[in-house]
């Protein structure tokens, strides 16, 4: 990867991410969305620790992406998602496309870290 370093803030903590040139604004926007989700979770369930908040946010994102993919890999009705009561309000339908891009970006970042 040749490019840039972008610093995003999630729950008040800075995270530096590498990205290709031209992706900086998109990464910053996606970071703001994740920060908003984590902030909403923290207001709902409290400051239960950075890791737990990030895991809850990741589960919510994965659930929304699975639902957008037509239910492929979506949770069954017999196993409800471990989310706060207002989880449906956290992400609006028009954000699903952006979240899919985030998932792709995370996968690409994970692959580049794994190969490094």
Protein backbone atom coordinates (compact mmCIF):
# COMPACT_ATOMS: atom_id res chain seq x y z
CA UNK A 1 0.00 0.00 0.00
CA UNK A 2 1.39 3.35 -0.95
CA UNK A 3 -0.32 6.28 0.42
CA UNK A 4 -1.34 8.14 3.45
CA UNK A 5 -1.87 7.88 7.16
CA UNK A 6 -5.25 9.02 8.48
CA UNK A 7 -5.96 9.59 12.16
CA UNK A 8 -9.53 8.93 13.26
CA UNK A 9 -10.98 9.23 16.75
CA UNK A 10 -13.21 6.55 18.21
CA UNK A 11 -14.63 7.15 21.69
CA UNK A 12 -12.09 9.93 22.17
CA UNK A 13 -9.08 7.76 21.32
CA UNK A 14 -6.93 8.37 18.22
CA UNK A 15 -6.26 5.55 15.74
CA UNK A 16 -3.88 5.87 12.81
CA UNK A 17 -4.82 3.96 9.67
CA UNK A 18 -2.90 3.55 6.46
CA UNK A 19 -4.81 3.97 3.23
CA UNK A 20 -4.27 4.52 -0.46
CA UNK A 21 -3.98 8.09 -1.67
CA UNK A 22 -7.41 9.50 -2.36
CA UNK A 23 -9.14 7.41 0.32
CA UNK A 24 -8.40 9.80 3.18
CA UNK A 25 -11.76 11.60 3.17
CA UNK A 26 -13.69 8.34 2.92
CA UNK A 27 -11.77 6.80 5.84
CA UNK A 28 -12.35 9.95 7.92
CA UNK A 29 -16.08 9.85 7.14
CA UNK A 30 -16.34 6.15 7.99
CA UNK A 31 -14.39 6.78 11.19
CA UNK A 32 -16.90 9.46 12.17
CA UNK A 33 -19.75 7.00 11.58
CA UNK A 34 -18.09 4.38 13.77
CA UNK A 35 -17.38 7.00 16.43
CA UNK A 36 -21.04 8.04 16.41
CA UNK A 37 -22.12 4.41 16.75
CA UNK A 38 -19.72 3.80 19.65
CA UNK A 39 -20.85 7.05 21.31
CA UNK A 40 -24.49 5.95 21.03
CA UNK A 41 -23.62 2.57 22.48
CA UNK A 42 -21.70 4.19 25.34
CA UNK A 43 -24.72 6.38 26.12
CA UNK A 44 -26.96 3.32 26.02
CA UNK A 45 -24.88 0.81 27.96
CA UNK A 46 -22.27 3.03 29.62
CA UNK A 47 -18.50 3.13 29.31
CA UNK A 48 -18.02 -0.64 29.57
CA UNK A 49 -14.54 -0.58 28.11
CA UNK A 50 -13.12 0.28 24.72
CA UNK A 51 -12.84 -3.31 23.54
CA UNK A 52 -16.40 -4.22 24.45
CA UNK A 53 -17.81 -1.08 22.81
CA UNK A 54 -15.84 -1.77 19.64
CA UNK A 55 -16.96 -5.41 19.59
CA UNK A 56 -20.59 -4.34 20.00
CA UNK A 57 -20.19 -1.82 17.18
CA UNK A 58 -18.57 -4.48 14.97
CA UNK A 59 -21.44 -6.89 15.66
CA UNK A 60 -24.00 -4.22 14.79
CA UNK A 61 -22.15 -3.44 11.56
CA UNK A 62 -21.84 -7.12 10.65
CA UNK A 63 -25.53 -7.63 11.33
CA UNK A 64 -26.47 -4.71 9.06
CA UNK A 65 -24.12 -5.86 6.29
CA UNK A 66 -25.52 -9.41 6.49
CA UNK A 67 -29.07 -8.06 6.31
CA UNK A 68 -28.13 -5.90 3.31
CA UNK A 69 -26.65 -8.97 1.59
CA UNK A 70 -30.09 -10.57 1.61
CA UNK A 71 -29.68 -12.35 4.90
CA UNK A 72 -26.61 -14.35 3.92
CA UNK A 73 -25.03 -15.20 7.23
CA UNK A 74 -27.62 -13.17 9.11
CA UNK A 75 -28.56 -14.23 12.59
CA UNK A 76 -31.45 -16.66 12.82
CA UNK A 77 -34.67 -15.61 14.48
CA UNK A 78 -34.00 -18.08 17.30
CA UNK A 79 -30.76 -16.31 18.22
CA UNK A 80 -31.38 -12.57 18.69
CA UNK A 81 -28.47 -10.20 18.24
CA UNK A 82 -26.75 -9.09 21.46
CA UNK A 83 -27.47 -5.40 20.93
CA UNK A 84 -28.96 -2.58 22.97
CA UNK A 85 -32.69 -1.93 22.60
CA UNK A 86 -32.19 1.08 20.35
CA UNK A 87 -29.75 -0.62 17.94
CA UNK A 88 -32.11 -0.19 14.98
CA UNK A 89 -31.95 3.57 15.48
CA UNK A 90 -28.14 3.61 15.36
CA UNK A 91 -27.80 2.97 11.65
CA UNK A 92 -30.17 4.16 8.98
CA UNK A 93 -30.77 2.21 5.80
CA UNK A 94 -29.02 4.74 3.59
CA UNK A 95 -25.79 4.13 5.52
CA UNK A 96 -25.62 0.43 4.64
CA UNK A 97 -23.72 1.04 1.40
CA UNK A 98 -21.14 3.09 3.28
CA UNK A 99 -20.87 0.37 5.91
CA UNK A 100 -20.22 -2.21 3.21
CA UNK A 101 -17.36 -0.03 1.99
CA UNK A 102 -16.06 0.11 5.56
CA UNK A 103 -16.19 -3.68 5.78
CA UNK A 104 -14.25 -3.94 2.51
CA UNK A 105 -11.70 -1.40 3.73
CA UNK A 106 -11.27 -3.25 7.04
CA UNK A 107 -10.82 -6.54 5.17
CA UNK A 108 -8.20 -4.95 2.93
CA UNK A 109 -6.40 -3.44 5.92
CA UNK A 110 -6.48 -6.78 7.76
CA UNK A 111 -5.08 -8.55 4.70
CA UNK A 112 -2.27 -6.02 4.35
CA UNK A 113 -1.41 -6.34 8.05
CA UNK A 114 -1.47 -10.15 7.82
CA UNK A 115 0.89 -10.15 4.83
CA UNK A 116 3.31 -7.65 6.41
